[in-house]
Each structure stands twice: as C-alpha cells, then as structure tokens.
C-alpha atoms as a PDB file:
ATOM      1  CA  MET A   1      -4.932  -8.772  10.953  1.00  0.00           C
ATOM      2  CA  TRP A   2      -3.555  -8.292   7.414  1.00  0.00           C
ATOM      3  CA  VAL A   3      -6.162  -5.627   6.774  1.00  0.00           C
ATOM      4  CA  TRP A   4      -4.880  -3.561   9.686  1.00  0.00           C
ATOM      5  CA  PHE A   5      -1.282  -4.044   8.613  1.00  0.00           C
ATOM      6  CA  ARG A   6      -2.102  -2.905   5.070  1.00  0.00           C
ATOM      7  CA  MET A   7      -3.909   0.138   6.410  1.00  0.00           C
ATOM      8  CA  VAL A   8      -0.919   1.034   8.594  1.00  0.00           C
ATOM      9  CA  MET A   9       1.439   0.567   5.630  1.00  0.00           C
ATOM     10  CA  ALA A  10      -0.768   2.865   3.522  1.00  0.00           C
ATOM     11  CA  LEU A  11      -0.534   5.534   6.224  1.00  0.00           C
ATOM     12  CA  VAL A  12       3.237   5.082   6.438  1.00  0.00           C
ATOM     13  CA  VAL A  13       3.566   5.520   2.676  1.00  0.00           C
ATOM     14  CA  MET A  14       1.484   8.695   2.726  1.00  0.00           C
ATOM     15  CA  LEU A  15       2.964  10.312   5.837  1.00  0.00           C
ATOM     16  CA  LEU A  16       6.618   9.335   6.040  1.00  0.00           C
ATOM     17  CA  PRO A  17       9.308  10.190   3.493  1.00  0.00           C
ATOM     18  CA  GLY A  18      10.693   6.646   3.713  1.00  0.00           C
ATOM     19  CA  GLY A  19       7.293   5.046   3.378  1.00  0.00           C
ATOM     20  CA  PHE A  20       7.640   3.906  -0.210  1.00  0.00           C
ATOM     21  CA  PRO A  21      10.871   1.960   0.424  1.00  0.00           C
ATOM     22  CA  ALA A  22       9.176   0.374   3.454  1.00  0.00           C
ATOM     23  CA  LEU A  23       6.239  -0.693   1.280  1.00  0.00           C
ATOM     24  CA  LEU A  24       8.584  -2.009  -1.393  1.00  0.00           C
ATOM     25  CA  ALA A  25      10.509  -3.997   1.233  1.00  0.00           C
ATOM     26  CA  PHE A  26       7.242  -5.468   2.531  1.00  0.00           C
ATOM     27  CA  VAL A  27       6.080  -6.524  -0.936  1.00  0.00           C
ATOM     28  CA  THR A  28       9.515  -7.945  -1.798  1.00  0.00           C
ATOM     29  CA  THR A  29       9.712  -9.944   1.425  1.00  0.00           C
ATOM     30  CA  ARG A  30       6.214 -11.291   0.955  1.00  0.00           C
ATOM     31  CA  THR A  31       6.944 -12.312  -2.646  1.00  0.00           C
ATOM     32  CA  LEU A  32      10.243 -13.986  -1.711  1.00  0.00           C
ATOM     33  CA  LEU A  33       8.593 -15.982   1.069  1.00  0.00           C
ATOM     34  CA  VAL A  34       5.865 -17.220  -1.278  1.00  0.00           C
ATOM     35  CA  ARG A  35       8.443 -18.194  -3.910  1.00  0.00           C
ATOM     36  CA  TRP A  36      10.551 -19.953  -1.244  1.00  0.00           C
ATOM     37  CA  ARG A  37       7.564 -22.057  -0.186  1.00  0.00           C
ATOM     38  CA  VAL A  38       6.744 -22.901  -3.812  1.00  0.00           C
ATOM     39  CA  ALA A  39      10.362 -23.885  -4.501  1.00  0.00           C
ATOM     40  CA  GLN A  40      10.408 -26.141  -1.447  1.00  0.00           C
ATOM     41  CA  ALA A  41       7.132 -27.766  -2.494  1.00  0.00           C
ATOM     42  CA  GLN A  42       8.450 -28.443  -6.012  1.00  0.00           C
ATOM     43  CA  ALA A  43      11.896 -29.647  -4.895  1.00  0.00           C
ATOM     44  CA  ASN A  44      11.034 -33.380  -4.952  1.00  0.00           C
ATOM     45  CA  GLY A  45      13.760 -34.287  -2.488  1.00  0.00           C
ATOM     46  CA  ARG A  46      16.550 -32.094  -3.829  1.00  0.00           C
ATOM     47  CA  GLU A  47      18.133 -29.250  -1.894  1.00  0.00           C
ATOM     48  CA  VAL A  48      16.578 -25.832  -2.496  1.00  0.00           C
ATOM     49  CA  SER A  49      18.967 -22.938  -3.069  1.00  0.00           C
ATOM     50  CA  PHE A  50      17.575 -19.546  -2.081  1.00  0.00           C
ATOM     51  CA  PHE A  51      19.601 -17.747  -4.733  1.00  0.00           C
ATOM     52  CA  ARG A  52      19.165 -20.190  -7.616  1.00  0.00           C
ATOM     53  CA  ASP A  53      15.528 -21.171  -7.037  1.00  0.00           C
ATOM     54  CA  VAL A  54      14.118 -17.932  -5.642  1.00  0.00           C
ATOM     55  CA  ILE A  55      16.202 -14.837  -6.381  1.00  0.00           C
ATOM     56  CA  ALA A  56      17.333 -15.851  -9.881  1.00  0.00           C
ATOM     57  CA  THR A  57      13.748 -16.403 -11.017  1.00  0.00           C
ATOM     58  CA  LEU A  58      12.330 -13.191  -9.548  1.00  0.00           C
ATOM     59  CA  HIS A  59      11.324 -10.449 -11.955  1.00  0.00           C
ATOM     60  CA  PHE A  60      10.156  -6.910 -11.264  1.00  0.00           C
ATOM     61  CA  ARG A  61       6.795  -7.698 -12.851  1.00  0.00           C
ATOM     62  CA  ASP A  62       6.240 -10.305 -10.120  1.00  0.00           C
ATOM     63  CA  LEU A  63       6.731  -7.610  -7.489  1.00  0.00           C
ATOM     64  CA  VAL A  64       4.307  -5.304  -9.302  1.00  0.00           C
ATOM     65  CA  ARG A  65       1.736  -8.099  -9.578  1.00  0.00           C
ATOM     66  CA  GLU A  66       2.078  -8.853  -5.862  1.00  0.00           C
ATOM     67  CA  ALA A  67       1.711  -5.166  -4.955  1.00  0.00           C
ATOM     68  CA  ARG A  68      -1.446  -4.887  -7.050  1.00  0.00           C
ATOM     69  CA  ALA A  69      -2.867  -8.019  -5.462  1.00  0.00           C
ATOM     70  CA  ALA A  70      -2.136  -6.650  -1.982  1.00  0.00           C
ATOM     71  CA  ALA A  71      -3.787  -3.336  -2.851  1.00  0.00           C
ATOM     72  CA  ALA A  72      -6.854  -5.021  -4.319  1.00  0.00           C
ATOM     73  CA  LEU A  73      -7.681  -6.821  -1.077  1.00  0.00           C
END
C-alpha cells in the first residue's frame, strides 16, 4: 500500500503546483508520528509533551533524512 501512496505522491509533486508542500507535509507528519511513538516508549511512566518531547527536538536534517529514506524504498 505504501508503494502506491509514494507513487501517487511522486505524481502529485510532478504535476501539481502545490505538490511539493504536500510532499513536505507528508514527510513532516510521518516524522512527527515516529518521534511521538519513540517519546512515548522512552517516557518510563512520565507524561509525554508533544511540544517538548517531539517538536523541540526536531531538526530539518531529520526531515531530509526521512525524505531520503522514503525515496529510497
């Protein structure tokens, strides 16, 4: 299923003027969800804050790494 979604996103990026922001939103959402799950797994019983534990630790290089990993598959 992910293969089809990636292929559709590649077509959107090539054909639509707003395709790149849509791709960037997809990669950002995917990265934030992964980081949220990791933060919850490492919480050890404490409350997880989305801003402090996820957003504050996010760097642009993480988004680039995630985009490259998605393109490599």
